[in-house]
Amino acid sequence: MAEKIKNIKRILVGVDDSDDAQLAFRVAMQRAKELDATLYITSILEKDEMNVYQVLDADYMRQQVEKLKKHIEDYRNIALEAGVKKVKTVIAEGDAGETIIKKVIPQVNPDLLVIGALAKEGLEKYFGSQAAYMAKYSPISVLVVR
């Protein structure tokens, strides 16, 4: 087991504003520093949280993408200030779990995915449906933080 851990060179962490995602981010930063790994920070613009008028409004969508870009850049700066040497960011649109598994992981090719256990909101507060989906379908190891 220890031999596998030494081979982790790319860590992908999914972030949003939930407490669990913040904790996952801190754990991912620590692992990246310990392993001298590249930290990839991803956040997903989830259209299902918007109404149809917002999705169809090009200006609104551009504003949301710009807001997400700034937000993820803040995470990048925090990681760099914390001593992570290599930090990259990835944003995408869609269902968070499915998008991370089907689009972000193939794009980044990470060795480890770090995610928070709880849903951001809604009925699936405990071991959120996104975390469960990613743990089940991820082609790489998943560290679920709580």
N, C-alpha and C. Protein backbone atom coordinates (compact mmCIF):
# COMPACT_ATOMS: atom_id res chain seq x y z
N MET A 1 0.82 -1.20 0.00
CA MET A 1 0.00 0.00 0.00
C MET A 1 0.86 1.26 0.00
N ALA A 2 1.88 1.31 0.81
CA ALA A 2 2.74 2.49 0.86
C ALA A 2 3.38 2.77 -0.49
N GLU A 3 3.71 1.73 -1.23
CA GLU A 3 4.33 1.91 -2.55
C GLU A 3 3.39 2.65 -3.50
N LYS A 4 2.10 2.33 -3.46
CA LYS A 4 1.12 3.00 -4.32
C LYS A 4 1.05 4.50 -4.00
N ILE A 5 1.05 4.82 -2.71
CA ILE A 5 0.94 6.22 -2.29
C ILE A 5 2.09 7.04 -2.84
N LYS A 6 3.29 6.48 -2.87
CA LYS A 6 4.46 7.19 -3.39
C LYS A 6 4.29 7.53 -4.87
N ASN A 7 3.46 6.79 -5.60
CA ASN A 7 3.28 7.01 -7.03
C ASN A 7 2.23 8.06 -7.36
N ILE A 8 1.63 8.66 -6.37
CA ILE A 8 0.62 9.69 -6.61
C ILE A 8 1.33 10.99 -6.98
N LYS A 9 1.14 11.40 -8.23
CA LYS A 9 1.78 12.60 -8.73
C LYS A 9 0.78 13.67 -9.15
N ARG A 10 -0.49 13.27 -9.28
CA ARG A 10 -1.54 14.21 -9.68
C ARG A 10 -2.75 13.98 -8.78
N ILE A 11 -3.16 15.02 -8.07
CA ILE A 11 -4.31 14.93 -7.18
C ILE A 11 -5.38 15.88 -7.69
N LEU A 12 -6.58 15.37 -7.87
CA LEU A 12 -7.73 16.17 -8.31
C LEU A 12 -8.65 16.35 -7.12
N VAL A 13 -9.03 17.58 -6.84
CA VAL A 13 -9.97 17.85 -5.76
C VAL A 13 -11.14 18.66 -6.32
N GLY A 14 -12.35 18.22 -5.95
CA GLY A 14 -13.56 18.93 -6.34
C GLY A 14 -13.95 19.90 -5.25
N VAL A 15 -14.20 21.16 -5.62
CA VAL A 15 -14.55 22.16 -4.62
C VAL A 15 -15.88 22.84 -4.94
N ASP A 16 -16.57 23.18 -3.88
CA ASP A 16 -17.73 24.08 -3.91
C ASP A 16 -17.70 24.81 -2.58
N ASP A 17 -18.78 25.41 -2.18
CA ASP A 17 -18.76 26.19 -0.94
C ASP A 17 -19.18 25.40 0.29
N SER A 18 -19.39 24.10 0.17
CA SER A 18 -19.80 23.31 1.33
C SER A 18 -18.63 23.12 2.29
N ASP A 19 -18.94 22.91 3.55
CA ASP A 19 -17.90 22.69 4.56
C ASP A 19 -17.06 21.46 4.23
N ASP A 20 -17.71 20.39 3.76
CA ASP A 20 -16.98 19.17 3.44
C ASP A 20 -16.02 19.38 2.26
N ALA A 21 -16.43 20.17 1.28
CA ALA A 21 -15.55 20.45 0.15
C ALA A 21 -14.36 21.28 0.60
N GLN A 22 -14.57 22.19 1.54
CA GLN A 22 -13.46 22.97 2.08
C GLN A 22 -12.48 22.06 2.80
N LEU A 23 -13.00 21.11 3.56
CA LEU A 23 -12.14 20.15 4.24
C LEU A 23 -11.39 19.28 3.23
N ALA A 24 -12.07 18.82 2.20
CA ALA A 24 -11.44 18.01 1.15
C ALA A 24 -10.31 18.81 0.50
N PHE A 25 -10.53 20.09 0.27
CA PHE A 25 -9.51 20.95 -0.32
C PHE A 25 -8.28 21.03 0.58
N ARG A 26 -8.49 21.20 1.88
CA ARG A 26 -7.36 21.27 2.82
C ARG A 26 -6.59 19.94 2.84
N VAL A 27 -7.31 18.82 2.84
CA VAL A 27 -6.67 17.50 2.82
C VAL A 27 -5.88 17.33 1.52
N ALA A 28 -6.47 17.71 0.40
CA ALA A 28 -5.79 17.58 -0.90
C ALA A 28 -4.52 18.43 -0.95
N MET A 29 -4.60 19.65 -0.40
CA MET A 29 -3.40 20.50 -0.37
C MET A 29 -2.29 19.84 0.45
N GLN A 30 -2.66 19.30 1.61
CA GLN A 30 -1.67 18.65 2.47
C GLN A 30 -1.02 17.46 1.76
N ARG A 31 -1.84 16.62 1.12
CA ARG A 31 -1.31 15.46 0.40
C ARG A 31 -0.40 15.91 -0.75
N ALA A 32 -0.81 16.95 -1.47
CA ALA A 32 0.00 17.44 -2.59
C ALA A 32 1.36 17.92 -2.10
N LYS A 33 1.38 18.61 -0.96
CA LYS A 33 2.65 19.07 -0.40
C LYS A 33 3.51 17.88 0.03
N GLU A 34 2.90 16.93 0.75
CA GLU A 34 3.64 15.76 1.25
C GLU A 34 4.23 14.93 0.12
N LEU A 35 3.48 14.79 -0.97
CA LEU A 35 3.89 13.91 -2.07
C LEU A 35 4.55 14.66 -3.22
N ASP A 36 4.68 15.98 -3.09
CA ASP A 36 5.19 16.82 -4.16
C ASP A 36 4.41 16.56 -5.45
N ALA A 37 3.09 16.49 -5.31
CA ALA A 37 2.20 16.20 -6.43
C ALA A 37 1.62 17.50 -6.99
N THR A 38 1.18 17.44 -8.23
CA THR A 38 0.45 18.55 -8.83
C THR A 38 -0.98 18.48 -8.32
N LEU A 39 -1.50 19.62 -7.86
CA LEU A 39 -2.87 19.70 -7.37
C LEU A 39 -3.74 20.30 -8.46
N TYR A 40 -4.75 19.56 -8.88
CA TYR A 40 -5.74 20.03 -9.84
C TYR A 40 -7.02 20.33 -9.08
N ILE A 41 -7.47 21.57 -9.17
CA ILE A 41 -8.68 21.99 -8.47
C ILE A 41 -9.78 22.14 -9.51
N THR A 42 -10.91 21.46 -9.27
CA THR A 42 -12.01 21.57 -10.23
C THR A 42 -13.28 22.04 -9.53
N SER A 43 -14.05 22.79 -10.27
CA SER A 43 -15.38 23.19 -9.83
C SER A 43 -16.29 23.12 -11.06
N ILE A 44 -17.51 22.70 -10.81
CA ILE A 44 -18.45 22.45 -11.91
C ILE A 44 -19.61 23.44 -11.84
N LEU A 45 -19.89 24.09 -12.95
CA LEU A 45 -21.07 24.95 -13.05
C LEU A 45 -22.27 24.05 -13.30
N GLU A 46 -23.13 23.96 -12.30
CA GLU A 46 -24.26 23.04 -12.38
C GLU A 46 -25.50 23.78 -12.87
N LYS A 47 -25.86 23.52 -14.12
CA LYS A 47 -27.01 24.19 -14.73
C LYS A 47 -28.32 23.76 -14.10
N ASP A 48 -28.35 22.56 -13.51
CA ASP A 48 -29.62 22.09 -12.92
C ASP A 48 -30.02 22.90 -11.69
N GLU A 49 -29.10 23.75 -11.19
CA GLU A 49 -29.43 24.63 -10.07
C GLU A 49 -29.97 25.97 -10.57
N MET A 50 -30.10 26.13 -11.90
CA MET A 50 -30.59 27.37 -12.48
C MET A 50 -31.95 27.12 -13.11
N ASN A 51 -32.72 28.21 -13.26
CA ASN A 51 -33.99 28.04 -13.97
C ASN A 51 -33.76 28.17 -15.47
N VAL A 52 -34.74 27.80 -16.24
CA VAL A 52 -34.59 27.74 -17.71
C VAL A 52 -34.25 29.11 -18.29
N TYR A 53 -34.78 30.18 -17.71
CA TYR A 53 -34.50 31.52 -18.23
C TYR A 53 -33.03 31.90 -18.01
N GLN A 54 -32.50 31.49 -16.86
CA GLN A 54 -31.09 31.77 -16.58
C GLN A 54 -30.18 31.01 -17.55
N VAL A 55 -30.49 29.74 -17.79
CA VAL A 55 -29.67 28.92 -18.68
C VAL A 55 -29.70 29.48 -20.11
N LEU A 56 -30.84 29.99 -20.53
CA LEU A 56 -30.97 30.53 -21.89
C LEU A 56 -30.42 31.94 -22.05
N ASP A 57 -30.12 32.61 -20.94
CA ASP A 57 -29.60 33.97 -20.96
C ASP A 57 -28.07 33.92 -21.08
N ALA A 58 -27.57 34.24 -22.27
CA ALA A 58 -26.13 34.13 -22.54
C ALA A 58 -25.31 35.02 -21.61
N ASP A 59 -25.80 36.23 -21.34
CA ASP A 59 -25.08 37.13 -20.43
C ASP A 59 -25.02 36.56 -19.03
N TYR A 60 -26.13 36.02 -18.57
CA TYR A 60 -26.16 35.41 -17.23
C TYR A 60 -25.16 34.25 -17.16
N MET A 61 -25.15 33.40 -18.17
CA MET A 61 -24.25 32.25 -18.18
C MET A 61 -22.79 32.70 -18.20
N ARG A 62 -22.48 33.73 -18.99
CA ARG A 62 -21.12 34.27 -19.03
C ARG A 62 -20.71 34.78 -17.65
N GLN A 63 -21.64 35.48 -16.98
CA GLN A 63 -21.36 35.99 -15.63
C GLN A 63 -21.09 34.84 -14.66
N GLN A 64 -21.86 33.78 -14.77
CA GLN A 64 -21.67 32.64 -13.87
C GLN A 64 -20.32 31.96 -14.11
N VAL A 65 -19.93 31.82 -15.38
CA VAL A 65 -18.64 31.21 -15.71
C VAL A 65 -17.51 32.10 -15.19
N GLU A 66 -17.63 33.42 -15.37
CA GLU A 66 -16.59 34.34 -14.89
C GLU A 66 -16.49 34.30 -13.36
N LYS A 67 -17.63 34.24 -12.70
CA LYS A 67 -17.65 34.15 -11.24
C LYS A 67 -16.96 32.86 -10.78
N LEU A 68 -17.24 31.76 -11.46
CA LEU A 68 -16.63 30.47 -11.13
C LEU A 68 -15.12 30.50 -11.37
N LYS A 69 -14.70 31.12 -12.48
CA LYS A 69 -13.27 31.24 -12.78
C LYS A 69 -12.55 32.02 -11.69
N LYS A 70 -13.15 33.11 -11.23
CA LYS A 70 -12.52 33.91 -10.17
C LYS A 70 -12.47 33.11 -8.88
N HIS A 71 -13.55 32.42 -8.58
CA HIS A 71 -13.63 31.63 -7.36
C HIS A 71 -12.56 30.53 -7.34
N ILE A 72 -12.39 29.84 -8.44
CA ILE A 72 -11.42 28.75 -8.49
C ILE A 72 -9.99 29.31 -8.50
N GLU A 73 -9.81 30.51 -9.03
CA GLU A 73 -8.50 31.16 -8.98
C GLU A 73 -8.14 31.51 -7.53
N ASP A 74 -9.15 31.87 -6.74
CA ASP A 74 -8.92 32.12 -5.31
C ASP A 74 -8.42 30.84 -4.63
N TYR A 75 -9.02 29.71 -4.96
CA TYR A 75 -8.56 28.43 -4.41
C TYR A 75 -7.11 28.17 -4.83
N ARG A 76 -6.80 28.45 -6.08
CA ARG A 76 -5.44 28.23 -6.59
C ARG A 76 -4.44 29.06 -5.79
N ASN A 77 -4.77 30.33 -5.56
CA ASN A 77 -3.88 31.21 -4.80
C ASN A 77 -3.69 30.74 -3.36
N ILE A 78 -4.75 30.26 -2.75
CA ILE A 78 -4.66 29.71 -1.39
C ILE A 78 -3.69 28.53 -1.37
N ALA A 79 -3.82 27.64 -2.34
CA ALA A 79 -2.95 26.46 -2.40
C ALA A 79 -1.49 26.87 -2.60
N LEU A 80 -1.24 27.82 -3.48
CA LEU A 80 0.13 28.28 -3.71
C LEU A 80 0.71 28.92 -2.45
N GLU A 81 -0.10 29.74 -1.78
CA GLU A 81 0.35 30.37 -0.53
C GLU A 81 0.60 29.34 0.56
N ALA A 82 -0.12 28.23 0.51
CA ALA A 82 0.05 27.17 1.52
C ALA A 82 1.27 26.30 1.24
N GLY A 83 1.92 26.52 0.10
CA GLY A 83 3.14 25.79 -0.19
C GLY A 83 3.03 24.68 -1.21
N VAL A 84 1.87 24.56 -1.86
CA VAL A 84 1.75 23.58 -2.95
C VAL A 84 2.48 24.18 -4.15
N LYS A 85 3.44 23.43 -4.70
CA LYS A 85 4.30 23.98 -5.74
C LYS A 85 3.63 24.06 -7.11
N LYS A 86 2.82 23.04 -7.45
CA LYS A 86 2.20 22.98 -8.77
C LYS A 86 0.68 22.90 -8.60
N VAL A 87 -0.03 23.93 -9.07
CA VAL A 87 -1.48 23.99 -8.93
C VAL A 87 -2.09 24.37 -10.27
N LYS A 88 -3.07 23.59 -10.71
CA LYS A 88 -3.80 23.88 -11.95
C LYS A 88 -5.29 23.87 -11.65
N THR A 89 -6.05 24.54 -12.49
CA THR A 89 -7.50 24.60 -12.28
C THR A 89 -8.24 24.10 -13.51
N VAL A 90 -9.42 23.53 -13.26
CA VAL A 90 -10.27 23.02 -14.33
C VAL A 90 -11.71 23.36 -13.98
N ILE A 91 -12.40 24.04 -14.89
CA ILE A 91 -13.83 24.24 -14.69
C ILE A 91 -14.56 23.56 -15.84
N ALA A 92 -15.77 23.12 -15.53
CA ALA A 92 -16.61 22.45 -16.53
C ALA A 92 -18.06 22.73 -16.19
N GLU A 93 -18.95 22.35 -17.08
CA GLU A 93 -20.38 22.53 -16.86
C GLU A 93 -21.08 21.19 -16.90
N GLY A 94 -22.10 21.04 -16.04
CA GLY A 94 -22.90 19.82 -16.03
C GLY A 94 -23.18 19.33 -14.62
N ASP A 95 -23.62 18.11 -14.52
CA ASP A 95 -23.83 17.46 -13.23
C ASP A 95 -22.45 17.21 -12.63
N ALA A 96 -22.21 17.63 -11.39
CA ALA A 96 -20.87 17.60 -10.81
C ALA A 96 -20.24 16.21 -10.86
N GLY A 97 -20.89 15.22 -10.31
CA GLY A 97 -20.31 13.88 -10.25
C GLY A 97 -20.02 13.30 -11.62
N GLU A 98 -21.00 13.35 -12.47
CA GLU A 98 -20.85 12.78 -13.82
C GLU A 98 -19.80 13.53 -14.63
N THR A 99 -19.77 14.84 -14.51
CA THR A 99 -18.81 15.65 -15.27
C THR A 99 -17.39 15.38 -14.80
N ILE A 100 -17.19 15.27 -13.50
CA ILE A 100 -15.84 14.98 -12.99
C ILE A 100 -15.38 13.61 -13.47
N ILE A 101 -16.25 12.61 -13.40
CA ILE A 101 -15.87 11.25 -13.80
C ILE A 101 -15.67 11.14 -15.31
N LYS A 102 -16.59 11.69 -16.10
CA LYS A 102 -16.56 11.47 -17.55
C LYS A 102 -15.74 12.49 -18.34
N LYS A 103 -15.54 13.69 -17.79
CA LYS A 103 -14.82 14.73 -18.54
C LYS A 103 -13.52 15.17 -17.87
N VAL A 104 -13.59 15.50 -16.59
CA VAL A 104 -12.42 16.07 -15.93
C VAL A 104 -11.33 15.03 -15.72
N ILE A 105 -11.68 13.85 -15.20
CA ILE A 105 -10.67 12.81 -14.96
C ILE A 105 -9.95 12.43 -16.26
N PRO A 106 -10.66 12.17 -17.37
CA PRO A 106 -9.93 11.86 -18.61
C PRO A 106 -9.04 13.01 -19.09
N GLN A 107 -9.45 14.23 -18.84
CA GLN A 107 -8.67 15.40 -19.25
C GLN A 107 -7.41 15.56 -18.41
N VAL A 108 -7.53 15.37 -17.09
CA VAL A 108 -6.44 15.62 -16.14
C VAL A 108 -5.55 14.40 -15.93
N ASN A 109 -6.15 13.22 -16.00
CA ASN A 109 -5.44 11.96 -15.75
C ASN A 109 -4.81 11.92 -14.36
N PRO A 110 -5.61 12.18 -13.29
CA PRO A 110 -5.06 12.19 -11.94
C PRO A 110 -4.87 10.78 -11.39
N ASP A 111 -4.11 10.69 -10.29
CA ASP A 111 -3.90 9.42 -9.60
C ASP A 111 -4.85 9.25 -8.44
N LEU A 112 -5.40 10.37 -7.94
CA LEU A 112 -6.27 10.35 -6.76
C LEU A 112 -7.30 11.46 -6.90
N LEU A 113 -8.54 11.14 -6.53
CA LEU A 113 -9.63 12.12 -6.47
C LEU A 113 -9.99 12.33 -5.01
N VAL A 114 -10.02 13.59 -4.56
CA VAL A 114 -10.39 13.92 -3.18
C VAL A 114 -11.69 14.71 -3.24
N ILE A 115 -12.70 14.23 -2.50
CA ILE A 115 -14.01 14.89 -2.50
C ILE A 115 -14.59 14.91 -1.09
N GLY A 116 -15.50 15.83 -0.85
CA GLY A 116 -16.22 15.89 0.41
C GLY A 116 -17.35 14.89 0.41
N ALA A 117 -17.71 14.41 1.61
CA ALA A 117 -18.73 13.37 1.73
C ALA A 117 -20.16 13.91 1.65
N LEU A 118 -20.37 15.13 2.09
CA LEU A 118 -21.74 15.63 2.20
C LEU A 118 -22.16 16.41 0.97
N ALA A 119 -23.46 16.34 0.71
CA ALA A 119 -24.03 17.12 -0.39
C ALA A 119 -24.04 18.59 0.03
N LYS A 120 -24.01 19.47 -0.95
CA LYS A 120 -24.04 20.90 -0.69
C LYS A 120 -25.37 21.30 -0.05
N GLU A 121 -26.44 20.67 -0.50
CA GLU A 121 -27.77 20.98 0.03
C GLU A 121 -28.73 19.87 -0.37
N GLY A 122 -29.96 19.99 0.04
CA GLY A 122 -30.97 19.03 -0.40
C GLY A 122 -31.09 17.82 0.51
N LEU A 123 -31.79 16.80 0.02
CA LEU A 123 -32.10 15.62 0.82
C LEU A 123 -30.90 14.74 1.09
N GLU A 124 -29.94 14.72 0.18
CA GLU A 124 -28.80 13.82 0.33
C GLU A 124 -27.68 14.49 1.13
N LYS A 125 -28.00 15.02 2.31
CA LYS A 125 -27.01 15.72 3.13
C LYS A 125 -25.88 14.80 3.57
N TYR A 126 -26.19 13.55 3.83
CA TYR A 126 -25.18 12.64 4.36
C TYR A 126 -24.73 11.69 3.27
N PHE A 127 -23.43 11.70 3.00
CA PHE A 127 -22.83 11.02 1.86
C PHE A 127 -23.65 11.35 0.62
N GLY A 128 -23.48 12.58 0.18
CA GLY A 128 -24.25 13.11 -0.93
C GLY A 128 -24.22 12.23 -2.17
N SER A 129 -25.24 12.38 -2.97
CA SER A 129 -25.37 11.54 -4.15
C SER A 129 -24.18 11.72 -5.10
N GLN A 130 -23.62 12.94 -5.15
CA GLN A 130 -22.46 13.17 -6.03
C GLN A 130 -21.26 12.38 -5.54
N ALA A 131 -21.01 12.40 -4.23
CA ALA A 131 -19.88 11.65 -3.66
C ALA A 131 -20.07 10.16 -3.88
N ALA A 132 -21.28 9.68 -3.67
CA ALA A 132 -21.56 8.25 -3.85
C ALA A 132 -21.33 7.86 -5.31
N TYR A 133 -21.81 8.69 -6.23
CA TYR A 133 -21.63 8.42 -7.66
C TYR A 133 -20.14 8.35 -8.01
N MET A 134 -19.38 9.34 -7.54
CA MET A 134 -17.95 9.38 -7.88
C MET A 134 -17.19 8.22 -7.27
N ALA A 135 -17.51 7.88 -6.03
CA ALA A 135 -16.83 6.75 -5.38
C ALA A 135 -17.11 5.45 -6.13
N LYS A 136 -18.34 5.32 -6.64
CA LYS A 136 -18.72 4.09 -7.34
C LYS A 136 -18.12 3.99 -8.75
N TYR A 137 -18.12 5.10 -9.48
CA TYR A 137 -17.76 5.04 -10.90
C TYR A 137 -16.37 5.57 -11.25
N SER A 138 -15.65 6.10 -10.30
CA SER A 138 -14.33 6.65 -10.60
C SER A 138 -13.36 5.55 -11.04
N PRO A 139 -12.59 5.80 -12.10
CA PRO A 139 -11.59 4.83 -12.55
C PRO A 139 -10.31 4.90 -11.72
N ILE A 140 -10.25 5.85 -10.79
CA ILE A 140 -9.07 6.01 -9.93
C ILE A 140 -9.50 5.95 -8.47
N SER A 141 -8.54 5.90 -7.56
CA SER A 141 -8.84 5.88 -6.13
C SER A 141 -9.50 7.18 -5.72
N VAL A 142 -10.44 7.07 -4.77
CA VAL A 142 -11.18 8.23 -4.29
C VAL A 142 -11.02 8.32 -2.79
N LEU A 143 -10.63 9.50 -2.31
CA LEU A 143 -10.56 9.76 -0.88
C LEU A 143 -11.76 10.63 -0.54
N VAL A 144 -12.70 10.05 0.22
CA VAL A 144 -13.91 10.78 0.61
C VAL A 144 -13.66 11.33 2.00
N VAL A 145 -13.71 12.66 2.12
CA VAL A 145 -13.37 13.34 3.37
C VAL A 145 -14.65 13.75 4.08
N ARG A 146 -14.67 13.50 5.41
CA ARG A 146 -15.80 13.99 6.22
C ARG A 146 -15.30 14.61 7.49
